[in-house]
Amino acid sequence: MTEEHRIQNEIRAYTPDCVLFRTNAGDFWQGKVIYSKAYKQNILINIRKVEGLPEGFSDLSGVRVSDGKAVFIEVKTPTGRVSAQQSKFIKSMRACGAIAGICRRVEDAITLITKGV
């Protein structure tokens, strides 16, 4: 487990008044899984590209229980860098009235959720 995943799990477990879900952004491939005798393992056939959530979508998303306000949290390690797409997404969500920000520790997430900043 990476440090970022550990922080995400801690935030999900210890933030009050909030239901948060781990979200994955970007593209992925999907198709039918079959067993290949030639490769002696499962392989994917009839593959197609699926576009998931948009680039920059926050690591955690959910709702503040007390008022139903949407919450988006981009989780970073103490030295992790925020991409331009992530900053743009956070700015867009704030403009819509959602709670959105970058958190590097559980305490950051608690402050974001309780104060909305």
PDB file of N, CA and C in Angstrom:
ATOM      1  N   MET A   1       0.852  -1.177   0.000  1.00  0.00           N
ATOM      2  CA  MET A   1       0.000   0.000   0.000  1.00  0.00           C
ATOM      3  C   MET A   1       0.896   1.237   0.000  1.00  0.00           C
ATOM      4  N   THR A   2       0.612   2.166  -0.901  1.00  0.00           N
ATOM      5  CA  THR A   2       1.399   3.391  -0.964  1.00  0.00           C
ATOM      6  C   THR A   2       1.004   4.324   0.180  1.00  0.00           C
ATOM      7  N   GLU A   3       1.847   5.308   0.425  1.00  0.00           N
ATOM      8  CA  GLU A   3       1.546   6.274   1.483  1.00  0.00           C
ATOM      9  C   GLU A   3       0.255   7.029   1.165  1.00  0.00           C
ATOM     10  N   GLU A   4       0.058   7.352  -0.109  1.00  0.00           N
ATOM     11  CA  GLU A   4      -1.165   8.064  -0.491  1.00  0.00           C
ATOM     12  C   GLU A   4      -2.408   7.218  -0.216  1.00  0.00           C
ATOM     13  N   HIS A   5      -2.338   5.922  -0.523  1.00  0.00           N
ATOM     14  CA  HIS A   5      -3.485   5.045  -0.244  1.00  0.00           C
ATOM     15  C   HIS A   5      -3.754   4.942   1.252  1.00  0.00           C
ATOM     16  N   ARG A   6      -2.684   4.914   2.042  1.00  0.00           N
ATOM     17  CA  ARG A   6      -2.843   4.868   3.500  1.00  0.00           C
ATOM     18  C   ARG A   6      -3.565   6.120   3.988  1.00  0.00           C
ATOM     19  N   ILE A   7      -3.152   7.275   3.486  1.00  0.00           N
ATOM     20  CA  ILE A   7      -3.786   8.541   3.877  1.00  0.00           C
ATOM     21  C   ILE A   7      -5.256   8.542   3.444  1.00  0.00           C
ATOM     22  N   GLN A   8      -5.543   8.069   2.231  1.00  0.00           N
ATOM     23  CA  GLN A   8      -6.926   7.995   1.748  1.00  0.00           C
ATOM     24  C   GLN A   8      -7.778   7.145   2.695  1.00  0.00           C
ATOM     25  N   ASN A   9      -7.262   5.982   3.072  1.00  0.00           N
ATOM     26  CA  ASN A   9      -8.010   5.098   3.961  1.00  0.00           C
ATOM     27  C   ASN A   9      -8.244   5.735   5.324  1.00  0.00           C
ATOM     28  N   GLU A  10      -7.240   6.425   5.845  1.00  0.00           N
ATOM     29  CA  GLU A  10      -7.400   7.100   7.136  1.00  0.00           C
ATOM     30  C   GLU A  10      -8.459   8.194   7.049  1.00  0.00           C
ATOM     31  N   ILE A  11      -8.435   8.957   5.982  1.00  0.00           N
ATOM     32  CA  ILE A  11      -9.432  10.018   5.797  1.00  0.00           C
ATOM     33  C   ILE A  11     -10.825   9.409   5.721  1.00  0.00           C
ATOM     34  N   ARG A  12     -10.985   8.344   4.961  1.00  0.00           N
ATOM     35  CA  ARG A  12     -12.299   7.694   4.840  1.00  0.00           C
ATOM     36  C   ARG A  12     -12.775   7.163   6.182  1.00  0.00           C
ATOM     37  N   ALA A  13     -11.863   6.665   7.001  1.00  0.00           N
ATOM     38  CA  ALA A  13     -12.237   6.047   8.274  1.00  0.00           C
ATOM     39  C   ALA A  13     -12.486   7.055   9.395  1.00  0.00           C
ATOM     40  N   TYR A  14     -11.801   8.188   9.370  1.00  0.00           N
ATOM     41  CA  TYR A  14     -11.814   9.071  10.541  1.00  0.00           C
ATOM     42  C   TYR A  14     -12.420  10.453  10.329  1.00  0.00           C
ATOM     43  N   THR A  15     -13.026  10.707   9.195  1.00  0.00           N
ATOM     44  CA  THR A  15     -13.656  12.012   9.004  1.00  0.00           C
ATOM     45  C   THR A  15     -15.099  11.972   9.492  1.00  0.00           C
ATOM     46  N   PRO A  16     -15.463  12.904  10.365  1.00  0.00           N
ATOM     47  CA  PRO A  16     -16.832  12.923  10.885  1.00  0.00           C
ATOM     48  C   PRO A  16     -17.804  13.544   9.889  1.00  0.00           C
ATOM     49  N   ASP A  17     -19.067  13.222  10.017  1.00  0.00           N
ATOM     50  CA  ASP A  17     -20.144  13.863   9.261  1.00  0.00           C
ATOM     51  C   ASP A  17     -19.963  13.754   7.749  1.00  0.00           C
ATOM     52  N   CYS A  18     -19.321  12.690   7.283  1.00  0.00           N
ATOM     53  CA  CYS A  18     -19.069  12.589   5.853  1.00  0.00           C
ATOM     54  C   CYS A  18     -19.028  11.133   5.411  1.00  0.00           C
ATOM     55  N   VAL A  19     -19.634  10.868   4.255  1.00  0.00           N
ATOM     56  CA  VAL A  19     -19.531   9.560   3.614  1.00  0.00           C
ATOM     57  C   VAL A  19     -18.678   9.774   2.373  1.00  0.00           C
ATOM     58  N   LEU A  20     -17.546   9.063   2.320  1.00  0.00           N
ATOM     59  CA  LEU A  20     -16.605   9.239   1.220  1.00  0.00           C
ATOM     60  C   LEU A  20     -16.358   7.921   0.500  1.00  0.00           C
ATOM     61  N   PHE A  21     -16.155   8.013  -0.805  1.00  0.00           N
ATOM     62  CA  PHE A  21     -15.875   6.852  -1.637  1.00  0.00           C
ATOM     63  C   PHE A  21     -14.584   7.089  -2.398  1.00  0.00           C
ATOM     64  N   ARG A  22     -13.815   6.031  -2.591  1.00  0.00           N
ATOM     65  CA  ARG A  22     -12.602   6.091  -3.396  1.00  0.00           C
ATOM     66  C   ARG A  22     -13.020   6.080  -4.855  1.00  0.00           C
ATOM     67  N   THR A  23     -12.479   7.005  -5.621  1.00  0.00           N
ATOM     68  CA  THR A  23     -12.827   7.087  -7.039  1.00  0.00           C
ATOM     69  C   THR A  23     -11.559   6.994  -7.887  1.00  0.00           C
ATOM     70  N   ASN A  24     -11.683   6.366  -9.036  1.00  0.00           N
ATOM     71  CA  ASN A  24     -10.574   6.265  -9.974  1.00  0.00           C
ATOM     72  C   ASN A  24     -10.940   6.999 -11.257  1.00  0.00           C
ATOM     73  N   ALA A  25     -10.037   7.832 -11.711  1.00  0.00           N
ATOM     74  CA  ALA A  25     -10.286   8.601 -12.927  1.00  0.00           C
ATOM     75  C   ALA A  25      -9.446   8.054 -14.070  1.00  0.00           C
ATOM     76  N   GLY A  26      -9.796   8.453 -15.268  1.00  0.00           N
ATOM     77  CA  GLY A  26      -9.018   8.072 -16.438  1.00  0.00           C
ATOM     78  C   GLY A  26      -9.681   6.989 -17.264  1.00  0.00           C
ATOM     79  N   ASP A  27      -8.909   6.435 -18.174  1.00  0.00           N
ATOM     80  CA  ASP A  27      -9.403   5.424 -19.103  1.00  0.00           C
ATOM     81  C   ASP A  27      -8.965   4.033 -18.653  1.00  0.00           C
ATOM     82  N   PHE A  28      -9.735   3.036 -19.057  1.00  0.00           N
ATOM     83  CA  PHE A  28      -9.352   1.650 -18.806  1.00  0.00           C
ATOM     84  C   PHE A  28      -9.876   0.795 -19.943  1.00  0.00           C
ATOM     85  N   TRP A  29      -9.464  -0.468 -19.947  1.00  0.00           N
ATOM     86  CA  TRP A  29      -9.858  -1.398 -21.001  1.00  0.00           C
ATOM     87  C   TRP A  29     -10.769  -2.458 -20.429  1.00  0.00           C
ATOM     88  N   GLN A  30     -11.746  -2.845 -21.221  1.00  0.00           N
ATOM     89  CA  GLN A  30     -12.684  -3.873 -20.779  1.00  0.00           C
ATOM     90  C   GLN A  30     -12.963  -4.798 -21.944  1.00  0.00           C
ATOM     91  N   GLY A  31     -13.333  -6.028 -21.629  1.00  0.00           N
ATOM     92  CA  GLY A  31     -13.625  -7.014 -22.648  1.00  0.00           C
ATOM     93  C   GLY A  31     -14.011  -8.332 -22.005  1.00  0.00           C
ATOM     94  N   LYS A  32     -13.896  -9.404 -22.763  1.00  0.00           N
ATOM     95  CA  LYS A  32     -14.250 -10.727 -22.264  1.00  0.00           C
ATOM     96  C   LYS A  32     -12.979 -11.458 -21.823  1.00  0.00           C
ATOM     97  N   VAL A  33     -13.034 -12.039 -20.636  1.00  0.00           N
ATOM     98  CA  VAL A  33     -11.905 -12.809 -20.115  1.00  0.00           C
ATOM     99  C   VAL A  33     -12.068 -14.265 -20.529  1.00  0.00           C
ATOM    100  N   ILE A  34     -11.017 -14.783 -21.153  1.00  0.00           N
ATOM    101  CA  ILE A  34     -11.005 -16.215 -21.512  1.00  0.00           C
ATOM    102  C   ILE A  34      -9.658 -16.801 -21.099  1.00  0.00           C
ATOM    103  N   TYR A  35      -9.628 -18.124 -20.962  1.00  0.00           N
ATOM    104  CA  TYR A  35      -8.365 -18.789 -20.641  1.00  0.00           C
ATOM    105  C   TYR A  35      -7.639 -19.130 -21.941  1.00  0.00           C
ATOM    106  N   SER A  36      -6.370 -18.772 -22.001  1.00  0.00           N
ATOM    107  CA  SER A  36      -5.544 -19.068 -23.174  1.00  0.00           C
ATOM    108  C   SER A  36      -4.639 -20.250 -22.864  1.00  0.00           C
ATOM    109  N   LYS A  37      -4.804 -21.330 -23.621  1.00  0.00           N
ATOM    110  CA  LYS A  37      -3.923 -22.490 -23.454  1.00  0.00           C
ATOM    111  C   LYS A  37      -2.501 -22.136 -23.869  1.00  0.00           C
ATOM    112  N   ALA A  38      -2.382 -21.292 -24.900  1.00  0.00           N
ATOM    113  CA  ALA A  38      -1.059 -20.912 -25.395  1.00  0.00           C
ATOM    114  C   ALA A  38      -0.260 -20.137 -24.338  1.00  0.00           C
ATOM    115  N   TYR A  39      -0.944 -19.235 -23.625  1.00  0.00           N
ATOM    116  CA  TYR A  39      -0.264 -18.419 -22.616  1.00  0.00           C
ATOM    117  C   TYR A  39      -0.420 -18.970 -21.199  1.00  0.00           C
ATOM    118  N   LYS A  40      -1.278 -19.980 -21.052  1.00  0.00           N
ATOM    119  CA  LYS A  40      -1.534 -20.624 -19.755  1.00  0.00           C
ATOM    120  C   LYS A  40      -1.977 -19.617 -18.695  1.00  0.00           C
ATOM    121  N   GLN A  41      -2.863 -18.725 -19.132  1.00  0.00           N
ATOM    122  CA  GLN A  41      -3.418 -17.734 -18.215  1.00  0.00           C
ATOM    123  C   GLN A  41      -4.654 -17.095 -18.841  1.00  0.00           C
ATOM    124  N   ASN A  42      -5.383 -16.360 -18.041  1.00  0.00           N
ATOM    125  CA  ASN A  42      -6.534 -15.617 -18.559  1.00  0.00           C
ATOM    126  C   ASN A  42      -6.052 -14.457 -19.406  1.00  0.00           C
ATOM    127  N   ILE A  43      -6.765 -14.201 -20.486  1.00  0.00           N
ATOM    128  CA  ILE A  43      -6.479 -13.043 -21.332  1.00  0.00           C
ATOM    129  C   ILE A  43      -7.797 -12.319 -21.611  1.00  0.00           C
ATOM    130  N   LEU A  44      -7.671 -11.100 -22.067  1.00  0.00           N
ATOM    131  CA  LEU A  44      -8.827 -10.270 -22.386  1.00  0.00           C
ATOM    132  C   LEU A  44      -8.969 -10.192 -23.901  1.00  0.00           C
ATOM    133  N   ILE A  45     -10.167 -10.517 -24.422  1.00  0.00           N
ATOM    134  CA  ILE A  45     -10.412 -10.420 -25.861  1.00  0.00           C
ATOM    135  C   ILE A  45     -11.561  -9.443 -26.098  1.00  0.00           C
ATOM    136  N   ASN A  46     -11.750  -9.077 -27.350  1.00  0.00           N
ATOM    137  CA  ASN A  46     -12.797  -8.114 -27.723  1.00  0.00           C
ATOM    138  C   ASN A  46     -12.696  -6.858 -26.860  1.00  0.00           C
ATOM    139  N   ILE A  47     -11.476  -6.363 -26.719  1.00  0.00           N
ATOM    140  CA  ILE A  47     -11.268  -5.228 -25.810  1.00  0.00           C
ATOM    141  C   ILE A  47     -11.792  -3.928 -26.411  1.00  0.00           C
ATOM    142  N   ARG A  48     -12.184  -3.060 -25.512  1.00  0.00           N
ATOM    143  CA  ARG A  48     -12.608  -1.718 -25.902  1.00  0.00           C
ATOM    144  C   ARG A  48     -12.211  -0.748 -24.804  1.00  0.00           C
ATOM    145  N   LYS A  49     -11.877   0.442 -25.220  1.00  0.00           N
ATOM    146  CA  LYS A  49     -11.480   1.488 -24.289  1.00  0.00           C
ATOM    147  C   LYS A  49     -12.731   2.100 -23.665  1.00  0.00           C
ATOM    148  N   VAL A  50     -12.696   2.262 -22.358  1.00  0.00           N
ATOM    149  CA  VAL A  50     -13.808   2.867 -21.639  1.00  0.00           C
ATOM    150  C   VAL A  50     -13.280   4.119 -20.945  1.00  0.00           C
ATOM    151  N   GLU A  51     -13.966   5.208 -21.153  1.00  0.00           N
ATOM    152  CA  GLU A  51     -13.568   6.441 -20.489  1.00  0.00           C
ATOM    153  C   GLU A  51     -14.302   6.536 -19.172  1.00  0.00           C
ATOM    154  N   GLY A  52     -13.525   6.582 -18.105  1.00  0.00           N
ATOM    155  CA  GLY A  52     -14.094   6.685 -16.768  1.00  0.00           C
ATOM    156  C   GLY A  52     -14.325   8.139 -16.403  1.00  0.00           C
ATOM    157  N   LEU A  53     -14.091   8.442 -15.173  1.00  0.00           N
ATOM    158  CA  LEU A  53     -14.245   9.815 -14.696  1.00  0.00           C
ATOM    159  C   LEU A  53     -13.225  10.711 -15.386  1.00  0.00           C
ATOM    160  N   PRO A  54     -13.498  12.003 -15.467  1.00  0.00           N
ATOM    161  CA  PRO A  54     -12.579  12.897 -16.177  1.00  0.00           C
ATOM    162  C   PRO A  54     -11.222  13.018 -15.478  1.00  0.00           C
ATOM    163  N   GLU A  55     -10.218  13.356 -16.267  1.00  0.00           N
ATOM    164  CA  GLU A  55      -8.885  13.588 -15.710  1.00  0.00           C
ATOM    165  C   GLU A  55      -8.983  14.669 -14.649  1.00  0.00           C
ATOM    166  N   GLY A  56      -8.301  14.465 -13.554  1.00  0.00           N
ATOM    167  CA  GLY A  56      -8.308  15.451 -12.477  1.00  0.00           C
ATOM    168  C   GLY A  56      -9.362  15.214 -11.420  1.00  0.00           C
ATOM    169  N   PHE A  57     -10.289  14.270 -11.663  1.00  0.00           N
ATOM    170  CA  PHE A  57     -11.333  13.980 -10.681  1.00  0.00           C
ATOM    171  C   PHE A  57     -10.665  13.578  -9.368  1.00  0.00           C
ATOM    172  N   SER A  58     -11.185  14.056  -8.259  1.00  0.00           N
ATOM    173  CA  SER A  58     -10.563  13.847  -6.953  1.00  0.00           C
ATOM    174  C   SER A  58     -10.534  12.383  -6.527  1.00  0.00           C
ATOM    175  N   ASP A  59      -9.568  12.046  -5.674  1.00  0.00           N
ATOM    176  CA  ASP A  59      -9.394  10.677  -5.173  1.00  0.00           C
ATOM    177  C   ASP A  59     -10.589  10.211  -4.354  1.00  0.00           C
ATOM    178  N   LEU A  60     -11.136  11.102  -3.552  1.00  0.00           N
ATOM    179  CA  LEU A  60     -12.276  10.776  -2.702  1.00  0.00           C
ATOM    180  C   LEU A  60     -13.427  11.717  -3.029  1.00  0.00           C
ATOM    181  N   SER A  61     -14.613  11.167  -3.094  1.00  0.00           N
ATOM    182  CA  SER A  61     -15.789  12.008  -3.311  1.00  0.00           C
ATOM    183  C   SER A  61     -16.916  11.456  -2.455  1.00  0.00           C
ATOM    184  N   GLY A  62     -17.827  12.331  -2.105  1.00  0.00           N
ATOM    185  CA  GLY A  62     -18.933  11.895  -1.271  1.00  0.00           C
ATOM    186  C   GLY A  62     -19.830  13.039  -0.882  1.00  0.00           C
ATOM    187  N   VAL A  63     -20.376  12.928   0.324  1.00  0.00           N
ATOM    188  CA  VAL A  63     -21.363  13.905   0.773  1.00  0.00           C
ATOM    189  C   VAL A  63     -21.177  14.193   2.256  1.00  0.00           C
ATOM    190  N   ARG A  64     -21.372  15.459   2.627  1.00  0.00           N
ATOM    191  CA  ARG A  64     -21.397  15.825   4.038  1.00  0.00           C
ATOM    192  C   ARG A  64     -22.797  15.531   4.541  1.00  0.00           C
ATOM    193  N   VAL A  65     -22.903  14.663   5.513  1.00  0.00           N
ATOM    194  CA  VAL A  65     -24.193  14.147   5.968  1.00  0.00           C
ATOM    195  C   VAL A  65     -25.094  15.240   6.518  1.00  0.00           C
ATOM    196  N   SER A  66     -24.551  16.180   7.263  1.00  0.00           N
ATOM    197  CA  SER A  66     -25.377  17.190   7.943  1.00  0.00           C
ATOM    198  C   SER A  66     -26.187  18.060   7.002  1.00  0.00           C
ATOM    199  N   ASP A  67     -25.673  18.310   5.788  1.00  0.00           N
ATOM    200  CA  ASP A  67     -26.411  19.196   4.881  1.00  0.00           C
ATOM    201  C   ASP A  67     -26.484  18.679   3.437  1.00  0.00           C
ATOM    202  N   GLY A  68     -25.928  17.506   3.171  1.00  0.00           N
ATOM    203  CA  GLY A  68     -26.000  16.933   1.830  1.00  0.00           C
ATOM    204  C   GLY A  68     -25.084  17.571   0.819  1.00  0.00           C
ATOM    205  N   LYS A  69     -24.153  18.403   1.264  1.00  0.00           N
ATOM    206  CA  LYS A  69     -23.244  19.084   0.351  1.00  0.00           C
ATOM    207  C   LYS A  69     -22.206  18.104  -0.208  1.00  0.00           C
ATOM    208  N   ALA A  70     -21.941  18.202  -1.506  1.00  0.00           N
ATOM    209  CA  ALA A  70     -20.957  17.344  -2.160  1.00  0.00           C
ATOM    210  C   ALA A  70     -19.554  17.660  -1.656  1.00  0.00           C
ATOM    211  N   VAL A  71     -18.724  16.613  -1.531  1.00  0.00           N
ATOM    212  CA  VAL A  71     -17.354  16.751  -1.043  1.00  0.00           C
ATOM    213  C   VAL A  71     -16.403  16.062  -2.019  1.00  0.00           C
ATOM    214  N   PHE A  72     -15.316  16.749  -2.369  1.00  0.00           N
ATOM    215  CA  PHE A  72     -14.278  16.200  -3.241  1.00  0.00           C
ATOM    216  C   PHE A  72     -12.928  16.459  -2.590  1.00  0.00           C
ATOM    217  N   ILE A  73     -12.173  15.384  -2.362  1.00  0.00           N
ATOM    218  CA  ILE A  73     -10.871  15.506  -1.707  1.00  0.00           C
ATOM    219  C   ILE A  73      -9.791  14.888  -2.589  1.00  0.00           C
ATOM    220  N   GLU A  74      -8.822  15.709  -2.948  1.00  0.00           N
ATOM    221  CA  GLU A  74      -7.633  15.229  -3.649  1.00  0.00           C
ATOM    222  C   GLU A  74      -6.592  14.944  -2.572  1.00  0.00           C
ATOM    223  N   VAL A  75      -6.181  13.680  -2.460  1.00  0.00           N
ATOM    224  CA  VAL A  75      -5.254  13.273  -1.411  1.00  0.00           C
ATOM    225  C   VAL A  75      -3.830  13.268  -1.967  1.00  0.00           C
ATOM    226  N   LYS A  76      -2.941  13.891  -1.222  1.00  0.00           N
ATOM    227  CA  LYS A  76      -1.525  13.923  -1.589  1.00  0.00           C
ATOM    228  C   LYS A  76      -0.675  13.614  -0.369  1.00  0.00           C
ATOM    229  N   THR A  77       0.507  13.055  -0.621  1.00  0.00           N
ATOM    230  CA  THR A  77       1.473  12.871   0.450  1.00  0.00           C
ATOM    231  C   THR A  77       2.018  14.250   0.817  1.00  0.00           C
ATOM    232  N   PRO A  78       2.773  14.360   1.896  1.00  0.00           N
ATOM    233  CA  PRO A  78       3.325  15.674   2.257  1.00  0.00           C
ATOM    234  C   PRO A  78       4.139  16.342   1.146  1.00  0.00           C
ATOM    235  N   THR A  79       4.731  15.541   0.270  1.00  0.00           N
ATOM    236  CA  THR A  79       5.535  16.118  -0.815  1.00  0.00           C
ATOM    237  C   THR A  79       4.893  15.951  -2.194  1.00  0.00           C
ATOM    238  N   GLY A  80       3.678  15.381  -2.236  1.00  0.00           N
ATOM    239  CA  GLY A  80       3.007  15.133  -3.516  1.00  0.00           C
ATOM    240  C   GLY A  80       2.608  16.419  -4.223  1.00  0.00           C
ATOM    241  N   ARG A  81       2.677  16.388  -5.539  1.00  0.00           N
ATOM    242  CA  ARG A  81       2.328  17.560  -6.350  1.00  0.00           C
ATOM    243  C   ARG A  81       0.929  17.425  -6.929  1.00  0.00           C
ATOM    244  N   VAL A  82       0.248  18.532  -6.989  1.00  0.00           N
ATOM    245  CA  VAL A  82      -1.099  18.593  -7.561  1.00  0.00           C
ATOM    246  C   VAL A  82      -0.968  18.947  -9.037  1.00  0.00           C
ATOM    247  N   SER A  83      -1.631  18.180  -9.894  1.00  0.00           N
ATOM    248  CA  SER A  83      -1.561  18.456 -11.332  1.00  0.00           C
ATOM    249  C   SER A  83      -2.470  19.627 -11.692  1.00  0.00           C
ATOM    250  N   ALA A  84      -2.247  20.166 -12.866  1.00  0.00           N
ATOM    251  CA  ALA A  84      -3.085  21.267 -13.357  1.00  0.00           C
ATOM    252  C   ALA A  84      -4.544  20.818 -13.487  1.00  0.00           C
ATOM    253  N   GLN A  85      -4.751  19.569 -13.954  1.00  0.00           N
ATOM    254  CA  GLN A  85      -6.114  19.052 -14.106  1.00  0.00           C
ATOM    255  C   GLN A  85      -6.805  18.912 -12.751  1.00  0.00           C
ATOM    256  N   GLN A  86      -6.055  18.479 -11.741  1.00  0.00           N
ATOM    257  CA  GLN A  86      -6.626  18.338 -10.401  1.00  0.00           C
ATOM    258  C   GLN A  86      -7.006  19.701  -9.819  1.00  0.00           C
ATOM    259  N   SER A  87      -6.147  20.684  -9.990  1.00  0.00           N
ATOM    260  CA  SER A  87      -6.449  22.050  -9.516  1.00  0.00           C
ATOM    261  C   SER A  87      -7.679  22.610 -10.219  1.00  0.00           C
ATOM    262  N   LYS A  88      -7.765  22.385 -11.517  1.00  0.00           N
ATOM    263  CA  LYS A  88      -8.903  22.863 -12.300  1.00  0.00           C
ATOM    264  C   LYS A  88     -10.201  22.204 -11.829  1.00  0.00           C
ATOM    265  N   PHE A  89     -10.158  20.888 -11.574  1.00  0.00           N
ATOM    266  CA  PHE A  89     -11.344  20.178 -11.110  1.00  0.00           C
ATOM    267  C   PHE A  89     -11.805  20.729  -9.755  1.00  0.00           C
ATOM    268  N   ILE A  90     -10.881  20.913  -8.833  1.00  0.00           N
ATOM    269  CA  ILE A  90     -11.227  21.448  -7.509  1.00  0.00           C
ATOM    270  C   ILE A  90     -11.847  22.833  -7.642  1.00  0.00           C
ATOM    271  N   LYS A  91     -11.248  23.673  -8.453  1.00  0.00           N
ATOM    272  CA  LYS A  91     -11.780  25.027  -8.668  1.00  0.00           C
ATOM    273  C   LYS A  91     -13.193  24.967  -9.250  1.00  0.00           C
ATOM    274  N   SER A  92     -13.415  24.076 -10.204  1.00  0.00           N
ATOM    275  CA  SER A  92     -14.741  23.930 -10.824  1.00  0.00           C
ATOM    276  C   SER A  92     -15.784  23.468  -9.818  1.00  0.00           C
ATOM    277  N   MET A  93     -15.418  22.514  -8.973  1.00  0.00           N
ATOM    278  CA  MET A  93     -16.365  22.001  -7.974  1.00  0.00           C
ATOM    279  C   MET A  93     -16.705  23.069  -6.933  1.00  0.00           C
ATOM    280  N   ARG A  94     -15.706  23.848  -6.534  1.00  0.00           N
ATOM    281  CA  ARG A  94     -15.966  24.952  -5.592  1.00  0.00           C
ATOM    282  C   ARG A  94     -16.912  25.979  -6.221  1.00  0.00           C
ATOM    283  N   ALA A  95     -16.727  26.248  -7.506  1.00  0.00           N
ATOM    284  CA  ALA A  95     -17.589  27.208  -8.205  1.00  0.00           C
ATOM    285  C   ALA A  95     -19.037  26.723  -8.248  1.00  0.00           C
ATOM    286  N   CYS A  96     -19.229  25.401  -8.179  1.00  0.00           N
ATOM    287  CA  CYS A  96     -20.580  24.821  -8.155  1.00  0.00           C
ATOM    288  C   CYS A  96     -21.168  24.772  -6.748  1.00  0.00           C
ATOM    289  N   GLY A  97     -20.396  25.167  -5.752  1.00  0.00           N
ATOM    290  CA  GLY A  97     -20.886  25.162  -4.382  1.00  0.00           C
ATOM    291  C   GLY A  97     -20.483  23.951  -3.564  1.00  0.00           C
ATOM    292  N   ALA A  98     -19.660  23.074  -4.137  1.00  0.00           N
ATOM    293  CA  ALA A  98     -19.214  21.881  -3.417  1.00  0.00           C
ATOM    294  C   ALA A  98     -18.038  22.219  -2.507  1.00  0.00           C
ATOM    295  N   ILE A  99     -17.795  21.342  -1.562  1.00  0.00           N
ATOM    296  CA  ILE A  99     -16.611  21.410  -0.720  1.00  0.00           C
ATOM    297  C   ILE A  99     -15.526  20.637  -1.462  1.00  0.00           C
ATOM    298  N   ALA A 100     -14.408  21.271  -1.742  1.00  0.00           N
ATOM    299  CA  ALA A 100     -13.350  20.608  -2.508  1.00  0.00           C
ATOM    300  C   ALA A 100     -11.999  21.152  -2.103  1.00  0.00           C
ATOM    301  N   GLY A 101     -11.023  20.259  -2.001  1.00  0.00           N
ATOM    302  CA  GLY A 101      -9.688  20.708  -1.640  1.00  0.00           C
ATOM    303  C   GLY A 101      -8.670  19.592  -1.662  1.00  0.00           C
ATOM    304  N   ILE A 102      -7.450  19.981  -1.320  1.00  0.00           N
ATOM    305  CA  ILE A 102      -6.322  19.062  -1.268  1.00  0.00           C
ATOM    306  C   ILE A 102      -6.023  18.782   0.197  1.00  0.00           C
ATOM    307  N   CYS A 103      -5.883  17.495   0.529  1.00  0.00           N
ATOM    308  CA  CYS A 103      -5.608  17.110   1.916  1.00  0.00           C
ATOM    309  C   CYS A 103      -4.403  16.178   1.938  1.00  0.00           C
ATOM    310  N   ARG A 104      -3.517  16.445   2.871  1.00  0.00           N
ATOM    311  CA  ARG A 104      -2.310  15.640   3.027  1.00  0.00           C
ATOM    312  C   ARG A 104      -2.326  14.819   4.310  1.00  0.00           C
ATOM    313  N   ARG A 105      -3.321  15.082   5.173  1.00  0.00           N
ATOM    314  CA  ARG A 105      -3.469  14.353   6.434  1.00  0.00           C
ATOM    315  C   ARG A 105      -4.942  14.337   6.817  1.00  0.00           C
ATOM    316  N   VAL A 106      -5.292  13.500   7.748  1.00  0.00           N
ATOM    317  CA  VAL A 106      -6.677  13.416   8.215  1.00  0.00           C
ATOM    318  C   VAL A 106      -7.134  14.774   8.747  1.00  0.00           C
ATOM    319  N   GLU A 107      -6.260  15.450   9.468  1.00  0.00           N
ATOM    320  CA  GLU A 107      -6.620  16.748  10.045  1.00  0.00           C
ATOM    321  C   GLU A 107      -7.013  17.759   8.970  1.00  0.00           C
ATOM    322  N   ASP A 108      -6.332  17.724   7.825  1.00  0.00           N
ATOM    323  CA  ASP A 108      -6.686  18.604   6.704  1.00  0.00           C
ATOM    324  C   ASP A 108      -8.101  18.313   6.221  1.00  0.00           C
ATOM    325  N   ALA A 109      -8.432  17.027   6.133  1.00  0.00           N
ATOM    326  CA  ALA A 109      -9.762  16.626   5.662  1.00  0.00           C
ATOM    327  C   ALA A 109     -10.839  17.039   6.653  1.00  0.00           C
ATOM    328  N   ILE A 110     -10.577  16.887   7.930  1.00  0.00           N
ATOM    329  CA  ILE A 110     -11.551  17.294   8.945  1.00  0.00           C
ATOM    330  C   ILE A 110     -11.809  18.790   8.856  1.00  0.00           C
ATOM    331  N   THR A 111     -10.755  19.575   8.703  1.00  0.00           N
ATOM    332  CA  THR A 111     -10.904  21.028   8.553  1.00  0.00           C
ATOM    333  C   THR A 111     -11.694  21.361   7.297  1.00  0.00           C
ATOM    334  N   LEU A 112     -11.362  20.715   6.185  1.00  0.00           N
ATOM    335  CA  LEU A 112     -12.078  20.965   4.927  1.00  0.00           C
ATOM    336  C   LEU A 112     -13.554  20.651   5.069  1.00  0.00           C
ATOM    337  N   ILE A 113     -13.871  19.511   5.645  1.00  0.00           N
ATOM    338  CA  ILE A 113     -15.261  19.090   5.751  1.00  0.00           C
ATOM    339  C   ILE A 113     -16.059  19.924   6.755  1.00  0.00           C
ATOM    340  N   THR A 114     -15.461  20.250   7.881  1.00  0.00           N
ATOM    341  CA  THR A 114     -16.202  20.992   8.912  1.00  0.00           C
ATOM    342  C   THR A 114     -16.310  22.478   8.606  1.00  0.00           C
ATOM    343  N   LYS A 115     -15.263  23.041   7.992  1.00  0.00           N
ATOM    344  CA  LYS A 115     -15.273  24.481   7.708  1.00  0.00           C
ATOM    345  C   LYS A 115     -15.507  24.822   6.251  1.00  0.00           C
ATOM    346  N   GLY A 116     -15.419  23.809   5.389  1.00  0.00           N
ATOM    347  CA  GLY A 116     -15.643  24.034   3.966  1.00  0.00           C
ATOM    348  C   GLY A 116     -14.497  24.756   3.277  1.00  0.00           C
ATOM    349  N   VAL A 117     -13.341  24.818   3.945  1.00  0.00           N
ATOM    350  CA  VAL A 117     -12.157  25.479   3.343  1.00  0.00           C
ATOM    351  C   VAL A 117     -10.925  24.614   3.483  1.00  0.00           C
TER     352      VAL A 117
END
